[in-house]
């Protein structure tokens, strides 16, 4: 499940792959539309609510993954 989620995040960020240690702000595609896509993914595929404020608190891919999978 973790690998699938990492693949989905990579697709949204328009990169080949991501690792849990990478910082979200380091991606060229990290912007408000990407944030909305992440929020929509979390809601539709993982049935969790993620607010923009919560998302802004995440520093790394790992922070995001931990929220979604826990």
PDB file of N, CA and C in Angstrom:
ATOM      1  N   UNK A   1       0.824  -1.192   0.000  1.00  0.00           N
ATOM      2  CA  UNK A   1       0.000   0.000   0.000  1.00  0.00           C
ATOM      3  C   UNK A   1       0.873   1.263   0.000  1.00  0.00           C
ATOM      4  N   UNK A   2       1.984   1.214   0.731  1.00  0.00           N
ATOM      5  CA  UNK A   2       2.887   2.362   0.793  1.00  0.00           C
ATOM      6  C   UNK A   2       3.480   2.664  -0.589  1.00  0.00           C
ATOM      7  N   UNK A   3       3.886   1.613  -1.299  1.00  0.00           N
ATOM      8  CA  UNK A   3       4.477   1.813  -2.632  1.00  0.00           C
ATOM      9  C   UNK A   3       3.457   2.396  -3.604  1.00  0.00           C
ATOM     10  N   UNK A   4       2.211   1.940  -3.517  1.00  0.00           N
ATOM     11  CA  UNK A   4       1.155   2.479  -4.361  1.00  0.00           C
ATOM     12  C   UNK A   4       0.964   3.965  -4.080  1.00  0.00           C
ATOM     13  N   UNK A   5       0.936   4.333  -2.805  1.00  0.00           N
ATOM     14  CA  UNK A   5       0.764   5.730  -2.413  1.00  0.00           C
ATOM     15  C   UNK A   5       1.928   6.579  -2.898  1.00  0.00           C
ATOM     16  N   UNK A   6       3.147   6.089  -2.747  1.00  0.00           N
ATOM     17  CA  UNK A   6       4.309   6.834  -3.236  1.00  0.00           C
ATOM     18  C   UNK A   6       4.224   7.045  -4.745  1.00  0.00           C
ATOM     19  N   UNK A   7       3.742   6.042  -5.464  1.00  0.00           N
ATOM     20  CA  UNK A   7       3.557   6.173  -6.908  1.00  0.00           C
ATOM     21  C   UNK A   7       2.505   7.226  -7.252  1.00  0.00           C
ATOM     22  N   UNK A   8       1.441   7.254  -6.489  1.00  0.00           N
ATOM     23  CA  UNK A   8       0.387   8.245  -6.728  1.00  0.00           C
ATOM     24  C   UNK A   8       0.912   9.658  -6.456  1.00  0.00           C
ATOM     25  N   UNK A   9       1.680   9.815  -5.392  1.00  0.00           N
ATOM     26  CA  UNK A   9       2.251  11.125  -5.074  1.00  0.00           C
ATOM     27  C   UNK A   9       3.228  11.547  -6.164  1.00  0.00           C
ATOM     28  N   UNK A  10       4.060  10.615  -6.618  1.00  0.00           N
ATOM     29  CA  UNK A  10       5.007  10.919  -7.696  1.00  0.00           C
ATOM     30  C   UNK A  10       4.275  11.375  -8.954  1.00  0.00           C
ATOM     31  N   UNK A  11       3.178  10.702  -9.266  1.00  0.00           N
ATOM     32  CA  UNK A  11       2.392  11.078 -10.450  1.00  0.00           C
ATOM     33  C   UNK A  11       1.856  12.497 -10.319  1.00  0.00           C
ATOM     34  N   UNK A  12       1.324  12.826  -9.157  1.00  0.00           N
ATOM     35  CA  UNK A  12       0.802  14.187  -8.935  1.00  0.00           C
ATOM     36  C   UNK A  12       1.916  15.221  -9.040  1.00  0.00           C
ATOM     37  N   UNK A  13       3.108  14.869  -8.525  1.00  0.00           N
ATOM     38  CA  UNK A  13       4.245  15.793  -8.557  1.00  0.00           C
ATOM     39  C   UNK A  13       4.972  15.790  -9.903  1.00  0.00           C
ATOM     40  N   UNK A  14       4.512  14.939 -10.820  1.00  0.00           N
ATOM     41  CA  UNK A  14       5.069  14.830 -12.168  1.00  0.00           C
ATOM     42  C   UNK A  14       6.553  14.477 -12.171  1.00  0.00           C
ATOM     43  N   UNK A  15       6.897  13.483 -11.324  1.00  0.00           N
ATOM     44  CA  UNK A  15       8.254  12.940 -11.291  1.00  0.00           C
ATOM     45  C   UNK A  15       8.164  11.423 -11.412  1.00  0.00           C
ATOM     46  N   UNK A  16       9.307  10.782 -11.671  1.00  0.00           N
ATOM     47  CA  UNK A  16       9.317   9.332 -11.844  1.00  0.00           C
ATOM     48  C   UNK A  16       9.052   8.583 -10.547  1.00  0.00           C
ATOM     49  N   UNK A  17       9.666   9.053  -9.460  1.00  0.00           N
ATOM     50  CA  UNK A  17       9.444   8.420  -8.167  1.00  0.00           C
ATOM     51  C   UNK A  17       9.788   9.397  -7.046  1.00  0.00           C
ATOM     52  N   UNK A  18       9.348   9.047  -5.842  1.00  0.00           N
ATOM     53  CA  UNK A  18       9.635   9.867  -4.663  1.00  0.00           C
ATOM     54  C   UNK A  18      10.083   8.937  -3.535  1.00  0.00           C
ATOM     55  N   UNK A  19      10.790   9.515  -2.576  1.00  0.00           N
ATOM     56  CA  UNK A  19      11.174   8.780  -1.377  1.00  0.00           C
ATOM     57  C   UNK A  19      10.621   9.509  -0.168  1.00  0.00           C
ATOM     58  N   UNK A  20      10.523   8.795   0.931  1.00  0.00           N
ATOM     59  CA  UNK A  20       9.903   9.388   2.114  1.00  0.00           C
ATOM     60  C   UNK A  20      10.734  10.513   2.722  1.00  0.00           C
ATOM     61  N   UNK A  21      12.005  10.599   2.391  1.00  0.00           N
ATOM     62  CA  UNK A  21      12.864  11.632   2.970  1.00  0.00           C
ATOM     63  C   UNK A  21      12.869  12.945   2.194  1.00  0.00           C
ATOM     64  N   UNK A  22      12.278  12.961   1.023  1.00  0.00           N
ATOM     65  CA  UNK A  22      12.289  14.175   0.209  1.00  0.00           C
ATOM     66  C   UNK A  22      11.334  15.228   0.778  1.00  0.00           C
ATOM     67  N   UNK A  23      11.779  16.482   0.729  1.00  0.00           N
ATOM     68  CA  UNK A  23      10.952  17.574   1.223  1.00  0.00           C
ATOM     69  C   UNK A  23       9.981  18.023   0.142  1.00  0.00           C
ATOM     70  N   UNK A  24       8.745  18.227   0.545  1.00  0.00           N
ATOM     71  CA  UNK A  24       7.689  18.616  -0.391  1.00  0.00           C
ATOM     72  C   UNK A  24       8.024  19.913  -1.123  1.00  0.00           C
ATOM     73  N   UNK A  25       8.572  20.886  -0.414  1.00  0.00           N
ATOM     74  CA  UNK A  25       8.863  22.186  -1.021  1.00  0.00           C
ATOM     75  C   UNK A  25       9.969  22.144  -2.060  1.00  0.00           C
ATOM     76  N   UNK A  26      10.705  21.041  -2.140  1.00  0.00           N
ATOM     77  CA  UNK A  26      11.795  20.927  -3.109  1.00  0.00           C
ATOM     78  C   UNK A  26      11.329  20.522  -4.503  1.00  0.00           C
ATOM     79  N   UNK A  27      10.057  20.184  -4.648  1.00  0.00           N
ATOM     80  CA  UNK A  27       9.545  19.779  -5.955  1.00  0.00           C
ATOM     81  C   UNK A  27       9.087  20.998  -6.736  1.00  0.00           C
ATOM     82  N   UNK A  28       9.482  21.058  -7.999  1.00  0.00           N
ATOM     83  CA  UNK A  28       9.092  22.174  -8.865  1.00  0.00           C
ATOM     84  C   UNK A  28       7.580  22.292  -8.990  1.00  0.00           C
ATOM     85  N   UNK A  29       6.891  21.166  -8.967  1.00  0.00           N
ATOM     86  CA  UNK A  29       5.443  21.159  -9.159  1.00  0.00           C
ATOM     87  C   UNK A  29       4.656  21.413  -7.872  1.00  0.00           C
ATOM     88  N   UNK A  30       5.329  21.627  -6.740  1.00  0.00           N
ATOM     89  CA  UNK A  30       4.628  21.822  -5.469  1.00  0.00           C
ATOM     90  C   UNK A  30       4.020  23.221  -5.448  1.00  0.00           C
ATOM     91  N   UNK A  31       2.712  23.284  -5.632  1.00  0.00           N
ATOM     92  CA  UNK A  31       1.987  24.555  -5.616  1.00  0.00           C
ATOM     93  C   UNK A  31       0.570  24.298  -5.116  1.00  0.00           C
ATOM     94  N   UNK A  32      -0.273  25.298  -5.186  1.00  0.00           N
ATOM     95  CA  UNK A  32      -1.623  25.172  -4.637  1.00  0.00           C
ATOM     96  C   UNK A  32      -2.456  24.131  -5.394  1.00  0.00           C
ATOM     97  N   UNK A  33      -2.276  24.011  -6.686  1.00  0.00           N
ATOM     98  CA  UNK A  33      -3.021  22.998  -7.446  1.00  0.00           C
ATOM     99  C   UNK A  33      -2.567  21.585  -7.084  1.00  0.00           C
ATOM    100  N   UNK A  34      -1.285  21.431  -6.859  1.00  0.00           N
ATOM    101  CA  UNK A  34      -0.770  20.137  -6.430  1.00  0.00           C
ATOM    102  C   UNK A  34      -1.323  19.790  -5.055  1.00  0.00           C
ATOM    103  N   UNK A  35      -1.367  20.770  -4.170  1.00  0.00           N
ATOM    104  CA  UNK A  35      -1.917  20.557  -2.830  1.00  0.00           C
ATOM    105  C   UNK A  35      -3.370  20.093  -2.926  1.00  0.00           C
ATOM    106  N   UNK A  36      -4.145  20.725  -3.786  1.00  0.00           N
ATOM    107  CA  UNK A  36      -5.536  20.319  -3.970  1.00  0.00           C
ATOM    108  C   UNK A  36      -5.635  18.891  -4.510  1.00  0.00           C
ATOM    109  N   UNK A  37      -4.740  18.533  -5.400  1.00  0.00           N
ATOM    110  CA  UNK A  37      -4.723  17.169  -5.940  1.00  0.00           C
ATOM    111  C   UNK A  37      -4.403  16.150  -4.852  1.00  0.00           C
ATOM    112  N   UNK A  38      -3.460  16.490  -3.976  1.00  0.00           N
ATOM    113  CA  UNK A  38      -3.117  15.606  -2.855  1.00  0.00           C
ATOM    114  C   UNK A  38      -4.315  15.453  -1.924  1.00  0.00           C
ATOM    115  N   UNK A  39      -4.963  16.567  -1.596  1.00  0.00           N
ATOM    116  CA  UNK A  39      -6.136  16.543  -0.714  1.00  0.00           C
ATOM    117  C   UNK A  39      -7.237  15.676  -1.328  1.00  0.00           C
ATOM    118  N   UNK A  40      -7.463  15.828  -2.627  1.00  0.00           N
ATOM    119  CA  UNK A  40      -8.488  15.034  -3.315  1.00  0.00           C
ATOM    120  C   UNK A  40      -8.124  13.553  -3.315  1.00  0.00           C
ATOM    121  N   UNK A  41      -6.866  13.230  -3.544  1.00  0.00           N
ATOM    122  CA  UNK A  41      -6.401  11.845  -3.518  1.00  0.00           C
ATOM    123  C   UNK A  41      -6.644  11.217  -2.149  1.00  0.00           C
ATOM    124  N   UNK A  42      -6.271  11.928  -1.107  1.00  0.00           N
ATOM    125  CA  UNK A  42      -6.434  11.412   0.253  1.00  0.00           C
ATOM    126  C   UNK A  42      -7.904  11.154   0.553  1.00  0.00           C
ATOM    127  N   UNK A  43      -8.754  12.061   0.119  1.00  0.00           N
ATOM    128  CA  UNK A  43     -10.189  11.918   0.358  1.00  0.00           C
ATOM    129  C   UNK A  43     -10.777  10.755  -0.442  1.00  0.00           C
ATOM    130  N   UNK A  44     -10.486  10.700  -1.728  1.00  0.00           N
ATOM    131  CA  UNK A  44     -11.132   9.710  -2.595  1.00  0.00           C
ATOM    132  C   UNK A  44     -10.566   8.304  -2.443  1.00  0.00           C
ATOM    133  N   UNK A  45      -9.254   8.171  -2.341  1.00  0.00           N
ATOM    134  CA  UNK A  45      -8.635   6.848  -2.326  1.00  0.00           C
ATOM    135  C   UNK A  45      -8.402   6.294  -0.920  1.00  0.00           C
ATOM    136  N   UNK A  46      -8.302   7.180   0.073  1.00  0.00           N
ATOM    137  CA  UNK A  46      -7.946   6.728   1.423  1.00  0.00           C
ATOM    138  C   UNK A  46      -8.980   7.115   2.478  1.00  0.00           C
ATOM    139  N   UNK A  47     -10.070   7.742   2.047  1.00  0.00           N
ATOM    140  CA  UNK A  47     -11.185   8.100   2.925  1.00  0.00           C
ATOM    141  C   UNK A  47     -10.758   8.836   4.188  1.00  0.00           C
ATOM    142  N   UNK A  48      -9.832   9.765   4.016  1.00  0.00           N
ATOM    143  CA  UNK A  48      -9.382  10.603   5.122  1.00  0.00           C
ATOM    144  C   UNK A  48      -9.558  12.061   4.734  1.00  0.00           C
ATOM    145  N   UNK A  49      -9.788  12.879   5.732  1.00  0.00           N
ATOM    146  CA  UNK A  49      -9.888  14.321   5.515  1.00  0.00           C
ATOM    147  C   UNK A  49      -8.537  14.953   5.799  1.00  0.00           C
ATOM    148  N   UNK A  50      -8.064  15.726   4.848  1.00  0.00           N
ATOM    149  CA  UNK A  50      -6.799  16.443   4.986  1.00  0.00           C
ATOM    150  C   UNK A  50      -7.064  17.889   4.624  1.00  0.00           C
ATOM    151  N   UNK A  51      -6.793  18.782   5.548  1.00  0.00           N
ATOM    152  CA  UNK A  51      -6.998  20.206   5.276  1.00  0.00           C
ATOM    153  C   UNK A  51      -5.717  20.806   4.711  1.00  0.00           C
ATOM    154  N   UNK A  52      -5.867  21.940   4.081  1.00  0.00           N
ATOM    155  CA  UNK A  52      -4.712  22.651   3.549  1.00  0.00           C
ATOM    156  C   UNK A  52      -3.764  23.039   4.681  1.00  0.00           C
ATOM    157  N   UNK A  53      -4.315  23.399   5.833  1.00  0.00           N
ATOM    158  CA  UNK A  53      -3.489  23.771   6.987  1.00  0.00           C
ATOM    159  C   UNK A  53      -2.668  22.572   7.457  1.00  0.00           C
ATOM    160  N   UNK A  54      -3.298  21.396   7.525  1.00  0.00           N
ATOM    161  CA  UNK A  54      -2.559  20.185   7.902  1.00  0.00           C
ATOM    162  C   UNK A  54      -1.458  19.897   6.888  1.00  0.00           C
ATOM    163  N   UNK A  55      -1.786  20.011   5.614  1.00  0.00           N
ATOM    164  CA  UNK A  55      -0.829  19.721   4.555  1.00  0.00           C
ATOM    165  C   UNK A  55       0.374  20.655   4.640  1.00  0.00           C
ATOM    166  N   UNK A  56       0.128  21.916   4.947  1.00  0.00           N
ATOM    167  CA  UNK A  56       1.232  22.876   5.078  1.00  0.00           C
ATOM    168  C   UNK A  56       2.165  22.522   6.226  1.00  0.00           C
ATOM    169  N   UNK A  57       1.674  21.760   7.198  1.00  0.00           N
ATOM    170  CA  UNK A  57       2.494  21.346   8.329  1.00  0.00           C
ATOM    171  C   UNK A  57       3.426  20.188   8.023  1.00  0.00           C
ATOM    172  N   UNK A  58       3.217  19.512   6.906  1.00  0.00           N
ATOM    173  CA  UNK A  58       4.065  18.394   6.524  1.00  0.00           C
ATOM    174  C   UNK A  58       5.314  18.917   5.830  1.00  0.00           C
ATOM    175  N   UNK A  59       6.459  18.387   6.218  1.00  0.00           N
ATOM    176  CA  UNK A  59       7.725  18.810   5.622  1.00  0.00           C
ATOM    177  C   UNK A  59       8.171  17.827   4.543  1.00  0.00           C
ATOM    178  N   UNK A  60       8.060  16.548   4.847  1.00  0.00           N
ATOM    179  CA  UNK A  60       8.566  15.526   3.918  1.00  0.00           C
ATOM    180  C   UNK A  60       7.433  14.672   3.358  1.00  0.00           C
ATOM    181  N   UNK A  61       7.770  13.930   2.327  1.00  0.00           N
ATOM    182  CA  UNK A  61       6.840  12.936   1.782  1.00  0.00           C
ATOM    183  C   UNK A  61       6.450  11.962   2.893  1.00  0.00           C
ATOM    184  N   UNK A  62       7.409  11.606   3.727  1.00  0.00           N
ATOM    185  CA  UNK A  62       7.174  10.683   4.828  1.00  0.00           C
ATOM    186  C   UNK A  62       6.109  11.189   5.799  1.00  0.00           C
ATOM    187  N   UNK A  63       6.121  12.499   6.070  1.00  0.00           N
ATOM    188  CA  UNK A  63       5.100  13.083   6.945  1.00  0.00           C
ATOM    189  C   UNK A  63       3.710  12.868   6.342  1.00  0.00           C
ATOM    190  N   UNK A  64       3.602  13.110   5.055  1.00  0.00           N
ATOM    191  CA  UNK A  64       2.334  12.949   4.353  1.00  0.00           C
ATOM    192  C   UNK A  64       1.904  11.479   4.358  1.00  0.00           C
ATOM    193  N   UNK A  65       2.824  10.591   4.030  1.00  0.00           N
ATOM    194  CA  UNK A  65       2.516   9.164   3.987  1.00  0.00           C
ATOM    195  C   UNK A  65       2.084   8.654   5.368  1.00  0.00           C
ATOM    196  N   UNK A  66       2.782   9.091   6.405  1.00  0.00           N
ATOM    197  CA  UNK A  66       2.438   8.645   7.766  1.00  0.00           C
ATOM    198  C   UNK A  66       1.023   9.078   8.121  1.00  0.00           C
ATOM    199  N   UNK A  67       0.631  10.297   7.752  1.00  0.00           N
ATOM    200  CA  UNK A  67      -0.722  10.763   8.024  1.00  0.00           C
ATOM    201  C   UNK A  67      -1.748   9.900   7.296  1.00  0.00           C
ATOM    202  N   UNK A  68      -1.490   9.633   6.041  1.00  0.00           N
ATOM    203  CA  UNK A  68      -2.461   8.913   5.218  1.00  0.00           C
ATOM    204  C   UNK A  68      -2.601   7.463   5.673  1.00  0.00           C
ATOM    205  N   UNK A  69      -1.521   6.801   5.982  1.00  0.00           N
ATOM    206  CA  UNK A  69      -1.570   5.373   6.268  1.00  0.00           C
ATOM    207  C   UNK A  69      -1.830   5.031   7.723  1.00  0.00           C
ATOM    208  N   UNK A  70      -1.781   6.018   8.609  1.00  0.00           N
ATOM    209  CA  UNK A  70      -2.044   5.745  10.037  1.00  0.00           C
ATOM    210  C   UNK A  70      -3.438   6.144  10.432  1.00  0.00           C
TER     211      UNK A  70
END
